[in-house]
Amino acid sequence: MNDTDRELLDRVRALHATLTQRTVLLSHVQSDVDIFAEGMRDLGADLTSVGDALLGRVRELDATPVATSGADSSALVARLAGQLADIGRP
């Protein structure tokens, strides 16, 4: 992990810190279509921005050759990737 990765994860944490409040506010302003649409637009833009940055970093990592220390390293990477994917599922 480098400074760019830390900054990216900080962006994710910052967005996470506001998600509950934003969704609660959106649920309370549903009756005002203009305010609701603007809030949804802002939330979508923030999610898209962070998501695009994450996926961009993944593309960089996928293009980077991985130094392996043995045959077991690929199994470990696959297992950890599966665990990370499971964490993200609702």
N, C-alpha and C. Protein backbone atom coordinates (compact mmCIF):
# COMPACT_ATOMS: atom_id res chain seq x y z
N MET A 1 0.86 -1.16 0.00
CA MET A 1 0.00 0.00 0.00
C MET A 1 0.90 1.23 0.00
N ASN A 2 0.52 2.20 -0.83
CA ASN A 2 1.29 3.43 -0.91
C ASN A 2 0.42 4.62 -0.47
N ASP A 3 0.99 5.82 -0.56
CA ASP A 3 0.25 7.01 -0.13
C ASP A 3 -1.04 7.22 -0.93
N THR A 4 -0.99 6.91 -2.21
CA THR A 4 -2.19 7.04 -3.05
C THR A 4 -3.28 6.08 -2.57
N ASP A 5 -2.90 4.87 -2.24
CA ASP A 5 -3.87 3.89 -1.71
C ASP A 5 -4.48 4.39 -0.41
N ARG A 6 -3.63 4.94 0.47
CA ARG A 6 -4.14 5.45 1.74
C ARG A 6 -5.12 6.59 1.52
N GLU A 7 -4.80 7.48 0.59
CA GLU A 7 -5.70 8.59 0.28
C GLU A 7 -7.02 8.08 -0.29
N LEU A 8 -6.94 7.08 -1.13
CA LEU A 8 -8.14 6.49 -1.71
C LEU A 8 -9.00 5.86 -0.63
N LEU A 9 -8.39 5.11 0.27
CA LEU A 9 -9.15 4.49 1.37
C LEU A 9 -9.70 5.55 2.32
N ASP A 10 -8.98 6.67 2.48
CA ASP A 10 -9.51 7.78 3.28
C ASP A 10 -10.77 8.37 2.64
N ARG A 11 -10.78 8.44 1.31
CA ARG A 11 -11.98 8.91 0.60
C ARG A 11 -13.16 7.97 0.84
N VAL A 12 -12.89 6.68 0.81
CA VAL A 12 -13.94 5.69 1.07
C VAL A 12 -14.46 5.86 2.49
N ARG A 13 -13.55 6.01 3.45
CA ARG A 13 -13.96 6.19 4.85
C ARG A 13 -14.79 7.46 5.03
N ALA A 14 -14.38 8.55 4.39
CA ALA A 14 -15.10 9.81 4.50
C ALA A 14 -16.51 9.68 3.92
N LEU A 15 -16.63 9.01 2.79
CA LEU A 15 -17.95 8.80 2.19
C LEU A 15 -18.78 7.90 3.10
N HIS A 16 -18.19 6.86 3.61
CA HIS A 16 -18.90 5.95 4.52
C HIS A 16 -19.46 6.70 5.73
N ALA A 17 -18.69 7.64 6.24
CA ALA A 17 -19.09 8.39 7.43
C ALA A 17 -20.36 9.22 7.20
N THR A 18 -20.67 9.52 5.94
CA THR A 18 -21.84 10.35 5.65
C THR A 18 -23.02 9.58 5.07
N LEU A 19 -22.84 8.33 4.72
CA LEU A 19 -23.89 7.59 4.01
C LEU A 19 -25.19 7.49 4.80
N THR A 20 -25.11 7.16 6.07
CA THR A 20 -26.33 7.00 6.86
C THR A 20 -27.10 8.31 6.93
N GLN A 21 -26.41 9.39 7.24
CA GLN A 21 -27.09 10.69 7.34
C GLN A 21 -27.70 11.10 6.00
N ARG A 22 -26.96 10.87 4.95
CA ARG A 22 -27.46 11.27 3.63
C ARG A 22 -28.68 10.47 3.23
N THR A 23 -28.66 9.16 3.49
CA THR A 23 -29.82 8.35 3.11
C THR A 23 -31.03 8.69 3.98
N VAL A 24 -30.81 8.98 5.25
CA VAL A 24 -31.92 9.39 6.11
C VAL A 24 -32.51 10.71 5.61
N LEU A 25 -31.64 11.66 5.29
CA LEU A 25 -32.14 12.95 4.78
C LEU A 25 -32.91 12.75 3.48
N LEU A 26 -32.38 11.91 2.60
CA LEU A 26 -33.08 11.66 1.34
C LEU A 26 -34.46 11.05 1.57
N SER A 27 -34.56 10.16 2.54
CA SER A 27 -35.86 9.55 2.80
C SER A 27 -36.86 10.57 3.34
N HIS A 28 -36.36 11.62 3.99
CA HIS A 28 -37.24 12.65 4.54
C HIS A 28 -37.65 13.71 3.51
N VAL A 29 -36.91 13.83 2.42
CA VAL A 29 -37.24 14.86 1.43
C VAL A 29 -37.82 14.26 0.15
N GLN A 30 -38.26 13.02 0.20
CA GLN A 30 -38.79 12.36 -0.99
C GLN A 30 -39.95 13.11 -1.62
N SER A 31 -40.72 13.80 -0.79
CA SER A 31 -41.91 14.47 -1.31
C SER A 31 -41.56 15.71 -2.14
N ASP A 32 -40.36 16.26 -1.94
CA ASP A 32 -39.91 17.40 -2.74
C ASP A 32 -38.99 16.87 -3.84
N VAL A 33 -39.56 16.68 -5.01
CA VAL A 33 -38.84 16.01 -6.11
C VAL A 33 -37.53 16.71 -6.45
N ASP A 34 -37.51 18.03 -6.45
CA ASP A 34 -36.30 18.76 -6.81
C ASP A 34 -35.17 18.53 -5.81
N ILE A 35 -35.48 18.63 -4.53
CA ILE A 35 -34.46 18.42 -3.50
C ILE A 35 -34.02 16.96 -3.49
N PHE A 36 -34.98 16.05 -3.61
CA PHE A 36 -34.67 14.62 -3.64
C PHE A 36 -33.75 14.29 -4.82
N ALA A 37 -34.09 14.80 -5.99
CA ALA A 37 -33.27 14.53 -7.18
C ALA A 37 -31.86 15.09 -7.02
N GLU A 38 -31.75 16.28 -6.45
CA GLU A 38 -30.43 16.89 -6.26
C GLU A 38 -29.60 16.07 -5.27
N GLY A 39 -30.23 15.63 -4.18
CA GLY A 39 -29.53 14.80 -3.21
C GLY A 39 -29.10 13.47 -3.80
N MET A 40 -29.97 12.86 -4.57
CA MET A 40 -29.63 11.60 -5.23
C MET A 40 -28.49 11.81 -6.23
N ARG A 41 -28.55 12.91 -6.96
CA ARG A 41 -27.50 13.24 -7.94
C ARG A 41 -26.15 13.40 -7.24
N ASP A 42 -26.14 14.14 -6.13
CA ASP A 42 -24.89 14.36 -5.38
C ASP A 42 -24.34 13.04 -4.83
N LEU A 43 -25.22 12.24 -4.25
CA LEU A 43 -24.80 10.96 -3.70
C LEU A 43 -24.27 10.05 -4.81
N GLY A 44 -24.98 9.99 -5.92
CA GLY A 44 -24.53 9.18 -7.04
C GLY A 44 -23.19 9.63 -7.58
N ALA A 45 -22.98 10.94 -7.66
CA ALA A 45 -21.70 11.47 -8.15
C ALA A 45 -20.57 11.10 -7.20
N ASP A 46 -20.82 11.20 -5.90
CA ASP A 46 -19.78 10.84 -4.93
C ASP A 46 -19.46 9.35 -4.97
N LEU A 47 -20.49 8.52 -5.06
CA LEU A 47 -20.27 7.07 -5.16
C LEU A 47 -19.53 6.71 -6.44
N THR A 48 -19.91 7.34 -7.53
CA THR A 48 -19.27 7.08 -8.82
C THR A 48 -17.81 7.49 -8.79
N SER A 49 -17.55 8.66 -8.22
CA SER A 49 -16.17 9.16 -8.16
C SER A 49 -15.27 8.22 -7.39
N VAL A 50 -15.72 7.80 -6.21
CA VAL A 50 -14.91 6.89 -5.40
C VAL A 50 -14.82 5.52 -6.08
N GLY A 51 -15.92 5.04 -6.63
CA GLY A 51 -15.92 3.75 -7.32
C GLY A 51 -14.98 3.75 -8.51
N ASP A 52 -15.02 4.82 -9.31
CA ASP A 52 -14.12 4.91 -10.46
C ASP A 52 -12.66 4.92 -10.03
N ALA A 53 -12.37 5.65 -8.94
CA ALA A 53 -11.00 5.70 -8.44
C ALA A 53 -10.54 4.32 -7.95
N LEU A 54 -11.43 3.61 -7.25
CA LEU A 54 -11.10 2.26 -6.79
C LEU A 54 -10.84 1.32 -7.96
N LEU A 55 -11.71 1.36 -8.95
CA LEU A 55 -11.55 0.47 -10.09
C LEU A 55 -10.32 0.83 -10.91
N GLY A 56 -10.00 2.11 -10.98
CA GLY A 56 -8.77 2.53 -11.65
C GLY A 56 -7.54 1.97 -10.95
N ARG A 57 -7.56 2.02 -9.64
CA ARG A 57 -6.43 1.47 -8.87
C ARG A 57 -6.34 -0.04 -9.06
N VAL A 58 -7.47 -0.72 -9.10
CA VAL A 58 -7.47 -2.17 -9.32
C VAL A 58 -6.86 -2.49 -10.69
N ARG A 59 -7.19 -1.69 -11.71
CA ARG A 59 -6.59 -1.92 -13.03
C ARG A 59 -5.07 -1.77 -12.97
N GLU A 60 -4.59 -0.76 -12.21
CA GLU A 60 -3.14 -0.59 -12.04
C GLU A 60 -2.53 -1.81 -11.35
N LEU A 61 -3.19 -2.27 -10.30
CA LEU A 61 -2.67 -3.42 -9.56
C LEU A 61 -2.70 -4.68 -10.41
N ASP A 62 -3.76 -4.86 -11.19
CA ASP A 62 -3.85 -6.03 -12.06
C ASP A 62 -2.75 -6.04 -13.11
N ALA A 63 -2.29 -4.87 -13.52
CA ALA A 63 -1.26 -4.77 -14.54
C ALA A 63 0.15 -4.90 -13.96
N THR A 64 0.26 -4.92 -12.65
CA THR A 64 1.55 -5.01 -11.98
C THR A 64 1.92 -6.47 -11.77
N PRO A 65 3.09 -6.86 -12.23
CA PRO A 65 3.51 -8.25 -12.00
C PRO A 65 3.65 -8.50 -10.50
N VAL A 66 3.24 -9.67 -10.08
CA VAL A 66 3.30 -10.05 -8.67
C VAL A 66 4.50 -10.95 -8.46
N ALA A 67 5.34 -10.59 -7.50
CA ALA A 67 6.46 -11.44 -7.14
C ALA A 67 5.93 -12.56 -6.26
N THR A 68 6.18 -13.78 -6.67
CA THR A 68 5.68 -14.92 -5.89
C THR A 68 6.83 -15.59 -5.17
N SER A 69 6.54 -16.05 -3.99
CA SER A 69 7.57 -16.73 -3.20
C SER A 69 7.33 -18.24 -3.18
N GLY A 70 6.37 -18.69 -3.93
CA GLY A 70 6.11 -20.13 -3.97
C GLY A 70 4.75 -20.42 -4.56
N ALA A 71 4.46 -21.67 -4.75
CA ALA A 71 3.20 -22.09 -5.35
C ALA A 71 2.01 -21.74 -4.47
N ASP A 72 2.21 -21.70 -3.16
CA ASP A 72 1.11 -21.44 -2.24
C ASP A 72 0.64 -19.99 -2.28
N SER A 73 1.46 -19.08 -2.80
CA SER A 73 1.09 -17.66 -2.80
C SER A 73 -0.15 -17.39 -3.65
N SER A 74 -0.31 -18.07 -4.77
CA SER A 74 -1.50 -17.83 -5.60
C SER A 74 -2.76 -18.34 -4.91
N ALA A 75 -2.65 -19.43 -4.18
CA ALA A 75 -3.80 -19.94 -3.42
C ALA A 75 -4.17 -18.97 -2.31
N LEU A 76 -3.17 -18.38 -1.66
CA LEU A 76 -3.42 -17.41 -0.60
C LEU A 76 -4.10 -16.17 -1.16
N VAL A 77 -3.61 -15.68 -2.29
CA VAL A 77 -4.20 -14.50 -2.92
C VAL A 77 -5.65 -14.78 -3.30
N ALA A 78 -5.93 -15.93 -3.86
CA ALA A 78 -7.29 -16.29 -4.25
C ALA A 78 -8.20 -16.37 -3.03
N ARG A 79 -7.71 -16.96 -1.95
CA ARG A 79 -8.51 -17.08 -0.73
C ARG A 79 -8.81 -15.69 -0.14
N LEU A 80 -7.80 -14.84 -0.08
CA LEU A 80 -8.01 -13.49 0.45
C LEU A 80 -8.96 -12.68 -0.42
N ALA A 81 -8.83 -12.81 -1.73
CA ALA A 81 -9.74 -12.10 -2.64
C ALA A 81 -11.17 -12.56 -2.42
N GLY A 82 -11.36 -13.85 -2.23
CA GLY A 82 -12.70 -14.38 -1.95
C GLY A 82 -13.26 -13.86 -0.65
N GLN A 83 -12.41 -13.76 0.38
CA GLN A 83 -12.86 -13.23 1.66
C GLN A 83 -13.25 -11.77 1.54
N LEU A 84 -12.47 -10.98 0.80
CA LEU A 84 -12.80 -9.57 0.59
C LEU A 84 -14.12 -9.44 -0.16
N ALA A 85 -14.32 -10.28 -1.15
CA ALA A 85 -15.58 -10.23 -1.91
C ALA A 85 -16.76 -10.57 -1.02
N ASP A 86 -16.58 -11.55 -0.14
CA ASP A 86 -17.67 -11.94 0.77
C ASP A 86 -18.02 -10.81 1.73
N ILE A 87 -17.04 -10.06 2.18
CA ILE A 87 -17.29 -8.94 3.09
C ILE A 87 -18.18 -7.90 2.42
N GLY A 88 -17.99 -7.70 1.12
CA GLY A 88 -18.75 -6.69 0.39
C GLY A 88 -20.16 -7.08 0.04
N ARG A 89 -20.51 -8.35 0.23
CA ARG A 89 -21.87 -8.80 -0.13
C ARG A 89 -22.82 -8.53 1.03
N PRO A 90 -24.03 -8.07 0.69
CA PRO A 90 -25.02 -7.83 1.75
C PRO A 90 -25.55 -9.11 2.36
